[in-house]
Amino acid sequence: MTPDDPTPADPSVFTLIIRGDIPGRFVWRDDRVVAFLTIAPMKPGHTLVVPVEQIDQWTDVPAPIWERIAEVQMAVGQALMAAFRPTRVGAIMAWLEVPHCHVHLVPIESESDLSFAAADHDPDPAALDDAAARIRAALRDAGHGVHVPD
C-alpha cells in the first residue's frame, strides 16, 4: 500500500477465498459483502461477514460499505438464530489474524463460547457443510435467496 494507492500489495486469504482461488463455504454473496463459514469455528455456524474490497482497518471502511456489512450481519445473524436456536448470536470484531476487516458471528449460549482458544482447528468437513446448508436455508426462508449461493 502507498498513500496514493490504498490497495494492498498482497491479497489476503479472504480475498483469495472471495476470488475463488481458495474454496470457501459461502452463505451470502453480493457485489459488496460476502459471508462464509470459518475453517476454525468456535461453535457450529460460526460465520464471517467480509467486505469484498480488501480493507485492513474497520475505521477505513467507507460508510456505504459499513452499512452493507451491518445489513448482512443482521440477515446472517437472524439466520443463525433460526438455524441453530442459540441463546444469542455473538459478534466479534478483532481483525488481528487476517489483514482484511471482517465480523465473526457465532451462535452462543454464553459469553464463554466467544473464545478463539476454543476454536476447532480440525472440524469435520461434513459438519461444516451441514452448518452452511442450514444457514443458506434459513436465509432463503427469510427472503434473501437472491444473495444465497448454491
N, C-alpha and C. Protein backbone atom coordinates (compact mmCIF):
# COMPACT_ATOMS: atom_id res chain seq x y z
N MET A 1 0.84 -1.18 0.00
CA MET A 1 0.00 0.00 0.00
C MET A 1 0.88 1.24 0.00
N THR A 2 0.40 2.26 -0.66
CA THR A 2 1.05 3.57 -0.64
C THR A 2 -0.02 4.60 -0.35
N PRO A 3 0.37 5.82 0.03
CA PRO A 3 -0.64 6.85 0.27
C PRO A 3 -1.51 7.13 -0.96
N ASP A 4 -0.92 7.00 -2.15
CA ASP A 4 -1.67 7.25 -3.38
C ASP A 4 -2.51 6.05 -3.81
N ASP A 5 -2.12 4.86 -3.40
CA ASP A 5 -2.84 3.64 -3.78
C ASP A 5 -3.08 2.81 -2.53
N PRO A 6 -4.31 2.85 -1.97
CA PRO A 6 -4.59 2.12 -0.73
C PRO A 6 -4.78 0.62 -0.94
N THR A 7 -4.63 0.12 -2.17
CA THR A 7 -4.79 -1.29 -2.43
C THR A 7 -3.61 -2.06 -1.86
N PRO A 8 -3.87 -3.09 -1.06
CA PRO A 8 -2.77 -3.89 -0.51
C PRO A 8 -1.98 -4.57 -1.63
N ALA A 9 -0.67 -4.70 -1.43
CA ALA A 9 0.18 -5.33 -2.43
C ALA A 9 -0.13 -6.82 -2.57
N ASP A 10 -0.41 -7.47 -1.48
CA ASP A 10 -0.68 -8.91 -1.50
C ASP A 10 -2.14 -9.17 -1.11
N PRO A 11 -2.80 -10.08 -1.81
CA PRO A 11 -4.17 -10.39 -1.43
C PRO A 11 -4.21 -11.16 -0.11
N SER A 12 -5.20 -10.83 0.71
CA SER A 12 -5.39 -11.55 1.96
C SER A 12 -5.98 -12.92 1.66
N VAL A 13 -5.95 -13.79 2.64
CA VAL A 13 -6.57 -15.10 2.47
C VAL A 13 -8.06 -14.94 2.17
N PHE A 14 -8.70 -13.90 2.72
CA PHE A 14 -10.11 -13.68 2.44
C PHE A 14 -10.32 -13.24 0.99
N THR A 15 -9.42 -12.41 0.47
CA THR A 15 -9.50 -12.02 -0.94
C THR A 15 -9.36 -13.25 -1.82
N LEU A 16 -8.45 -14.15 -1.46
CA LEU A 16 -8.27 -15.38 -2.23
C LEU A 16 -9.54 -16.24 -2.20
N ILE A 17 -10.20 -16.30 -1.06
CA ILE A 17 -11.46 -17.04 -0.95
C ILE A 17 -12.54 -16.37 -1.79
N ILE A 18 -12.65 -15.06 -1.68
CA ILE A 18 -13.67 -14.31 -2.42
C ILE A 18 -13.48 -14.48 -3.92
N ARG A 19 -12.23 -14.48 -4.37
CA ARG A 19 -11.93 -14.64 -5.80
C ARG A 19 -12.11 -16.08 -6.28
N GLY A 20 -12.20 -17.02 -5.35
CA GLY A 20 -12.33 -18.43 -5.73
C GLY A 20 -11.02 -19.15 -5.87
N ASP A 21 -9.91 -18.51 -5.47
CA ASP A 21 -8.60 -19.15 -5.53
C ASP A 21 -8.46 -20.21 -4.44
N ILE A 22 -9.18 -20.02 -3.35
CA ILE A 22 -9.23 -20.97 -2.23
C ILE A 22 -10.71 -21.26 -2.01
N PRO A 23 -11.09 -22.51 -1.77
CA PRO A 23 -12.51 -22.81 -1.57
C PRO A 23 -13.04 -22.20 -0.29
N GLY A 24 -14.32 -21.87 -0.30
CA GLY A 24 -14.99 -21.34 0.88
C GLY A 24 -16.44 -21.80 0.88
N ARG A 25 -17.00 -21.90 2.06
CA ARG A 25 -18.41 -22.27 2.22
C ARG A 25 -19.23 -20.99 2.36
N PHE A 26 -19.59 -20.41 1.22
CA PHE A 26 -20.33 -19.15 1.20
C PHE A 26 -21.79 -19.36 1.56
N VAL A 27 -22.31 -18.44 2.36
CA VAL A 27 -23.75 -18.44 2.65
C VAL A 27 -24.40 -17.16 2.14
N TRP A 28 -23.59 -16.17 1.77
CA TRP A 28 -24.08 -14.88 1.25
C TRP A 28 -23.05 -14.33 0.28
N ARG A 29 -23.54 -13.76 -0.82
CA ARG A 29 -22.63 -13.10 -1.75
C ARG A 29 -23.40 -12.01 -2.48
N ASP A 30 -22.89 -10.79 -2.42
CA ASP A 30 -23.39 -9.71 -3.27
C ASP A 30 -22.18 -8.94 -3.77
N ASP A 31 -22.39 -7.83 -4.42
CA ASP A 31 -21.26 -7.12 -5.03
C ASP A 31 -20.37 -6.40 -4.02
N ARG A 32 -20.82 -6.24 -2.77
CA ARG A 32 -20.02 -5.51 -1.78
C ARG A 32 -19.61 -6.34 -0.57
N VAL A 33 -20.41 -7.36 -0.23
CA VAL A 33 -20.18 -8.11 1.01
C VAL A 33 -20.43 -9.60 0.78
N VAL A 34 -19.61 -10.42 1.42
CA VAL A 34 -19.82 -11.87 1.40
C VAL A 34 -19.87 -12.36 2.84
N ALA A 35 -20.40 -13.57 3.00
CA ALA A 35 -20.35 -14.25 4.29
C ALA A 35 -20.03 -15.72 4.01
N PHE A 36 -19.09 -16.25 4.78
CA PHE A 36 -18.71 -17.65 4.62
C PHE A 36 -18.31 -18.21 5.97
N LEU A 37 -18.38 -19.54 6.09
CA LEU A 37 -18.01 -20.18 7.33
C LEU A 37 -16.51 -20.12 7.53
N THR A 38 -16.09 -19.95 8.77
CA THR A 38 -14.68 -20.01 9.10
C THR A 38 -14.22 -21.46 9.07
N ILE A 39 -12.93 -21.66 8.83
CA ILE A 39 -12.39 -23.01 8.84
C ILE A 39 -12.01 -23.47 10.25
N ALA A 40 -12.14 -22.56 11.23
CA ALA A 40 -11.82 -22.89 12.63
C ALA A 40 -12.95 -22.35 13.52
N PRO A 41 -14.10 -23.02 13.49
CA PRO A 41 -15.26 -22.48 14.22
C PRO A 41 -15.17 -22.62 15.74
N MET A 42 -15.64 -21.58 16.42
CA MET A 42 -15.80 -21.65 17.87
C MET A 42 -16.98 -22.53 18.22
N LYS A 43 -18.04 -22.41 17.41
CA LYS A 43 -19.26 -23.20 17.56
C LYS A 43 -19.78 -23.49 16.15
N PRO A 44 -20.60 -24.51 15.98
CA PRO A 44 -21.19 -24.75 14.65
C PRO A 44 -21.96 -23.52 14.17
N GLY A 45 -21.74 -23.16 12.92
CA GLY A 45 -22.39 -22.00 12.33
C GLY A 45 -21.55 -20.74 12.37
N HIS A 46 -20.40 -20.76 12.97
CA HIS A 46 -19.51 -19.59 13.07
C HIS A 46 -19.23 -19.07 11.66
N THR A 47 -19.69 -17.86 11.40
CA THR A 47 -19.66 -17.27 10.06
C THR A 47 -18.92 -15.95 10.09
N LEU A 48 -18.20 -15.66 8.99
CA LEU A 48 -17.51 -14.39 8.84
C LEU A 48 -18.24 -13.54 7.82
N VAL A 49 -18.46 -12.27 8.15
CA VAL A 49 -19.04 -11.30 7.22
C VAL A 49 -17.90 -10.38 6.80
N VAL A 50 -17.66 -10.30 5.47
CA VAL A 50 -16.43 -9.70 4.96
C VAL A 50 -16.76 -8.79 3.77
N PRO A 51 -16.22 -7.58 3.75
CA PRO A 51 -16.39 -6.78 2.53
C PRO A 51 -15.59 -7.40 1.38
N VAL A 52 -16.11 -7.31 0.17
CA VAL A 52 -15.39 -7.82 -0.98
C VAL A 52 -14.08 -7.07 -1.16
N GLU A 53 -14.13 -5.77 -0.99
CA GLU A 53 -12.93 -4.95 -1.10
C GLU A 53 -12.02 -5.23 0.09
N GLN A 54 -10.75 -5.46 -0.17
CA GLN A 54 -9.80 -5.74 0.90
C GLN A 54 -9.43 -4.44 1.61
N ILE A 55 -9.96 -4.28 2.80
CA ILE A 55 -9.70 -3.11 3.64
C ILE A 55 -9.22 -3.64 4.98
N ASP A 56 -8.07 -3.21 5.42
CA ASP A 56 -7.47 -3.75 6.64
C ASP A 56 -8.20 -3.28 7.90
N GLN A 57 -8.29 -2.00 8.10
CA GLN A 57 -8.83 -1.43 9.34
C GLN A 57 -10.31 -1.11 9.21
N TRP A 58 -11.10 -1.46 10.20
CA TRP A 58 -12.53 -1.16 10.13
C TRP A 58 -12.78 0.34 10.10
N THR A 59 -11.86 1.11 10.66
CA THR A 59 -12.02 2.56 10.66
C THR A 59 -11.80 3.17 9.27
N ASP A 60 -11.29 2.38 8.34
CA ASP A 60 -11.10 2.83 6.96
C ASP A 60 -12.22 2.41 6.02
N VAL A 61 -13.18 1.66 6.52
CA VAL A 61 -14.27 1.18 5.67
C VAL A 61 -15.20 2.35 5.33
N PRO A 62 -15.44 2.61 4.05
CA PRO A 62 -16.37 3.68 3.69
C PRO A 62 -17.77 3.40 4.24
N ALA A 63 -18.46 4.46 4.63
CA ALA A 63 -19.77 4.32 5.27
C ALA A 63 -20.75 3.46 4.48
N PRO A 64 -20.87 3.61 3.16
CA PRO A 64 -21.82 2.76 2.45
C PRO A 64 -21.50 1.26 2.54
N ILE A 65 -20.21 0.92 2.56
CA ILE A 65 -19.84 -0.49 2.70
C ILE A 65 -20.09 -0.95 4.13
N TRP A 66 -19.77 -0.10 5.11
CA TRP A 66 -20.02 -0.47 6.50
C TRP A 66 -21.52 -0.68 6.74
N GLU A 67 -22.35 0.15 6.13
CA GLU A 67 -23.80 -0.03 6.25
C GLU A 67 -24.22 -1.37 5.66
N ARG A 68 -23.62 -1.75 4.54
CA ARG A 68 -23.97 -3.04 3.93
C ARG A 68 -23.48 -4.19 4.80
N ILE A 69 -22.31 -4.06 5.39
CA ILE A 69 -21.82 -5.08 6.31
C ILE A 69 -22.84 -5.26 7.44
N ALA A 70 -23.33 -4.17 7.99
CA ALA A 70 -24.30 -4.24 9.09
C ALA A 70 -25.59 -4.92 8.64
N GLU A 71 -26.06 -4.61 7.42
CA GLU A 71 -27.27 -5.24 6.90
C GLU A 71 -27.08 -6.75 6.74
N VAL A 72 -25.93 -7.14 6.21
CA VAL A 72 -25.67 -8.56 6.03
C VAL A 72 -25.49 -9.25 7.38
N GLN A 73 -24.83 -8.59 8.33
CA GLN A 73 -24.71 -9.13 9.69
C GLN A 73 -26.08 -9.43 10.27
N MET A 74 -27.00 -8.51 10.12
CA MET A 74 -28.35 -8.71 10.65
C MET A 74 -29.01 -9.91 10.00
N ALA A 75 -28.94 -10.00 8.68
CA ALA A 75 -29.58 -11.10 7.96
C ALA A 75 -28.96 -12.44 8.35
N VAL A 76 -27.64 -12.50 8.38
CA VAL A 76 -26.97 -13.75 8.72
C VAL A 76 -27.19 -14.07 10.20
N GLY A 77 -27.14 -13.06 11.07
CA GLY A 77 -27.40 -13.30 12.49
C GLY A 77 -28.79 -13.87 12.72
N GLN A 78 -29.78 -13.33 12.03
CA GLN A 78 -31.14 -13.86 12.15
C GLN A 78 -31.21 -15.29 11.62
N ALA A 79 -30.48 -15.56 10.54
CA ALA A 79 -30.45 -16.92 10.00
C ALA A 79 -29.79 -17.88 10.99
N LEU A 80 -28.74 -17.43 11.67
CA LEU A 80 -28.09 -18.27 12.68
C LEU A 80 -29.05 -18.56 13.83
N MET A 81 -29.82 -17.56 14.23
CA MET A 81 -30.82 -17.78 15.28
C MET A 81 -31.84 -18.84 14.84
N ALA A 82 -32.31 -18.73 13.60
CA ALA A 82 -33.31 -19.67 13.09
C ALA A 82 -32.73 -21.07 12.91
N ALA A 83 -31.51 -21.15 12.42
CA ALA A 83 -30.91 -22.45 12.09
C ALA A 83 -30.40 -23.21 13.30
N PHE A 84 -29.89 -22.50 14.32
CA PHE A 84 -29.24 -23.16 15.45
C PHE A 84 -29.94 -22.96 16.78
N ARG A 85 -30.86 -22.02 16.86
CA ARG A 85 -31.62 -21.73 18.07
C ARG A 85 -30.73 -21.49 19.30
N PRO A 86 -29.67 -20.68 19.16
CA PRO A 86 -28.84 -20.38 20.32
C PRO A 86 -29.52 -19.36 21.24
N THR A 87 -28.95 -19.14 22.39
CA THR A 87 -29.45 -18.07 23.27
C THR A 87 -29.21 -16.71 22.64
N ARG A 88 -28.05 -16.54 22.02
CA ARG A 88 -27.68 -15.29 21.36
C ARG A 88 -26.79 -15.63 20.16
N VAL A 89 -26.59 -14.61 19.31
CA VAL A 89 -25.54 -14.67 18.30
C VAL A 89 -24.54 -13.59 18.68
N GLY A 90 -23.34 -14.02 19.02
CA GLY A 90 -22.30 -13.08 19.39
C GLY A 90 -21.59 -12.55 18.16
N ALA A 91 -21.07 -11.34 18.26
CA ALA A 91 -20.32 -10.72 17.18
C ALA A 91 -18.99 -10.22 17.72
N ILE A 92 -17.94 -10.52 16.98
CA ILE A 92 -16.60 -10.10 17.37
C ILE A 92 -15.95 -9.39 16.20
N MET A 93 -15.35 -8.25 16.49
CA MET A 93 -14.51 -7.56 15.52
C MET A 93 -13.12 -7.48 16.13
N ALA A 94 -12.21 -8.33 15.66
CA ALA A 94 -10.85 -8.32 16.19
C ALA A 94 -9.86 -7.94 15.10
N TRP A 95 -9.92 -8.63 13.99
CA TRP A 95 -9.14 -8.35 12.79
C TRP A 95 -7.63 -8.38 12.99
N LEU A 96 -7.19 -9.20 13.88
CA LEU A 96 -5.75 -9.32 14.07
C LEU A 96 -5.17 -10.46 13.24
N GLU A 97 -5.97 -11.48 13.00
CA GLU A 97 -5.44 -12.68 12.35
C GLU A 97 -5.37 -12.57 10.83
N VAL A 98 -6.19 -11.71 10.22
CA VAL A 98 -6.20 -11.53 8.76
C VAL A 98 -6.30 -10.03 8.49
N PRO A 99 -5.44 -9.46 7.64
CA PRO A 99 -5.48 -8.03 7.37
C PRO A 99 -6.58 -7.65 6.36
N HIS A 100 -7.79 -8.05 6.68
CA HIS A 100 -8.95 -7.79 5.83
C HIS A 100 -10.13 -7.75 6.80
N CYS A 101 -10.73 -6.58 6.97
CA CYS A 101 -11.74 -6.45 8.02
C CYS A 101 -12.85 -7.47 7.85
N HIS A 102 -13.39 -7.92 8.98
CA HIS A 102 -14.43 -8.93 8.99
C HIS A 102 -15.08 -8.98 10.36
N VAL A 103 -16.29 -9.51 10.38
CA VAL A 103 -17.01 -9.66 11.63
C VAL A 103 -17.31 -11.15 11.83
N HIS A 104 -16.97 -11.66 13.00
CA HIS A 104 -17.29 -13.04 13.37
C HIS A 104 -18.70 -13.06 13.95
N LEU A 105 -19.55 -13.93 13.45
CA LEU A 105 -20.87 -14.16 14.02
C LEU A 105 -20.90 -15.60 14.53
N VAL A 106 -21.22 -15.76 15.82
CA VAL A 106 -21.13 -17.08 16.44
C VAL A 106 -22.40 -17.36 17.25
N PRO A 107 -23.10 -18.46 16.96
CA PRO A 107 -24.22 -18.86 17.81
C PRO A 107 -23.67 -19.26 19.18
N ILE A 108 -24.18 -18.63 20.24
CA ILE A 108 -23.61 -18.88 21.57
C ILE A 108 -24.70 -19.14 22.61
N GLU A 109 -24.28 -19.80 23.66
CA GLU A 109 -25.13 -19.99 24.85
C GLU A 109 -24.65 -19.11 25.99
N SER A 110 -23.38 -18.72 25.97
CA SER A 110 -22.83 -17.82 26.99
C SER A 110 -21.62 -17.09 26.40
N GLU A 111 -21.19 -16.05 27.07
CA GLU A 111 -20.03 -15.29 26.60
C GLU A 111 -18.78 -16.15 26.53
N SER A 112 -18.70 -17.17 27.36
CA SER A 112 -17.51 -18.03 27.33
C SER A 112 -17.38 -18.79 26.00
N ASP A 113 -18.47 -18.88 25.22
CA ASP A 113 -18.40 -19.51 23.91
C ASP A 113 -17.62 -18.65 22.90
N LEU A 114 -17.44 -17.37 23.21
CA LEU A 114 -16.70 -16.47 22.33
C LEU A 114 -15.23 -16.47 22.69
N SER A 115 -14.57 -17.58 22.38
CA SER A 115 -13.16 -17.73 22.72
C SER A 115 -12.41 -18.32 21.54
N PHE A 116 -11.45 -17.56 21.01
CA PHE A 116 -10.64 -18.09 19.93
C PHE A 116 -9.82 -19.29 20.40
N ALA A 117 -9.56 -19.38 21.69
CA ALA A 117 -8.83 -20.52 22.24
C ALA A 117 -9.64 -21.81 22.10
N ALA A 118 -10.95 -21.69 22.02
CA ALA A 118 -11.82 -22.87 21.90
C ALA A 118 -12.13 -23.23 20.45
N ALA A 119 -11.54 -22.53 19.50
CA ALA A 119 -11.82 -22.81 18.08
C ALA A 119 -11.37 -24.22 17.72
N ASP A 120 -12.17 -24.86 16.90
CA ASP A 120 -11.86 -26.21 16.42
C ASP A 120 -11.03 -26.07 15.14
N HIS A 121 -9.75 -26.40 15.22
CA HIS A 121 -8.86 -26.24 14.08
C HIS A 121 -8.85 -27.46 13.16
N ASP A 122 -9.66 -28.44 13.48
CA ASP A 122 -9.79 -29.62 12.62
C ASP A 122 -11.25 -30.07 12.58
N PRO A 123 -12.15 -29.17 12.12
CA PRO A 123 -13.57 -29.54 12.13
C PRO A 123 -13.89 -30.58 11.06
N ASP A 124 -14.93 -31.33 11.30
CA ASP A 124 -15.43 -32.32 10.34
C ASP A 124 -16.00 -31.58 9.13
N PRO A 125 -15.47 -31.81 7.93
CA PRO A 125 -16.00 -31.13 6.75
C PRO A 125 -17.50 -31.34 6.56
N ALA A 126 -18.00 -32.51 6.90
CA ALA A 126 -19.44 -32.76 6.78
C ALA A 126 -20.23 -31.86 7.72
N ALA A 127 -19.70 -31.60 8.91
CA ALA A 127 -20.38 -30.71 9.86
C ALA A 127 -20.39 -29.28 9.33
N LEU A 128 -19.28 -28.85 8.70
CA LEU A 128 -19.24 -27.51 8.10
C LEU A 128 -20.24 -27.41 6.95
N ASP A 129 -20.30 -28.45 6.12
CA ASP A 129 -21.26 -28.45 5.01
C ASP A 129 -22.69 -28.38 5.53
N ASP A 130 -22.97 -29.14 6.59
CA ASP A 130 -24.31 -29.13 7.18
C ASP A 130 -24.65 -27.75 7.73
N ALA A 131 -23.71 -27.13 8.44
CA ALA A 131 -23.95 -25.79 9.00
C ALA A 131 -24.22 -24.79 7.88
N ALA A 132 -23.43 -24.85 6.82
CA ALA A 132 -23.63 -23.93 5.69
C ALA A 132 -25.00 -24.14 5.06
N ALA A 133 -25.40 -25.39 4.89
CA ALA A 133 -26.71 -25.68 4.30
C ALA A 133 -27.84 -25.16 5.18
N ARG A 134 -27.70 -25.29 6.48
CA ARG A 134 -28.73 -24.81 7.41
C ARG A 134 -28.84 -23.28 7.35
N ILE A 135 -27.72 -22.60 7.28
CA ILE A 135 -27.72 -21.13 7.22
C ILE A 135 -28.31 -20.67 5.89
N ARG A 136 -27.89 -21.30 4.79
CA ARG A 136 -28.45 -20.94 3.48
C ARG A 136 -29.96 -21.12 3.45
N ALA A 137 -30.44 -22.24 4.00
CA ALA A 137 -31.89 -22.50 4.02
C ALA A 137 -32.61 -21.42 4.83
N ALA A 138 -32.05 -21.05 5.98
CA ALA A 138 -32.68 -20.01 6.81
C ALA A 138 -32.68 -18.66 6.10
N LEU A 139 -31.61 -18.34 5.39
CA LEU A 139 -31.56 -17.09 4.63
C LEU A 139 -32.60 -17.09 3.50
N ARG A 140 -32.72 -18.22 2.81
CA ARG A 140 -33.74 -18.31 1.75
C ARG A 140 -35.14 -18.18 2.34
N ASP A 141 -35.38 -18.86 3.46
CA ASP A 141 -36.69 -18.78 4.11
C ASP A 141 -37.03 -17.35 4.52
N ALA A 142 -36.01 -16.56 4.81
CA ALA A 142 -36.21 -15.16 5.24
C ALA A 142 -36.32 -14.21 4.05
N GLY A 143 -36.27 -14.75 2.83
CA GLY A 143 -36.43 -13.91 1.65
C GLY A 143 -35.15 -13.36 1.04
N HIS A 144 -34.01 -13.90 1.43
CA HIS A 144 -32.72 -13.42 0.93
C HIS A 144 -32.13 -14.30 -0.15
N GLY A 145 -32.94 -15.13 -0.79
CA GLY A 145 -32.45 -16.12 -1.73
C GLY A 145 -31.59 -15.57 -2.84
N VAL A 146 -31.83 -14.35 -3.27
CA VAL A 146 -31.04 -13.77 -4.36
C VAL A 146 -29.56 -13.65 -4.00
N HIS A 147 -29.25 -13.58 -2.71
CA HIS A 147 -27.86 -13.44 -2.25
C HIS A 147 -27.25 -14.74 -1.74
N VAL A 148 -28.02 -15.82 -1.81
CA VAL A 148 -27.55 -17.09 -1.26
C VAL A 148 -27.02 -17.97 -2.40
N PRO A 149 -25.72 -18.25 -2.38
CA PRO A 149 -25.17 -19.12 -3.43
C PRO A 149 -25.59 -20.57 -3.21
N ASP A 150 -25.53 -21.35 -4.27
CA ASP A 150 -25.86 -22.79 -4.15
C ASP A 150 -24.76 -23.56 -3.49
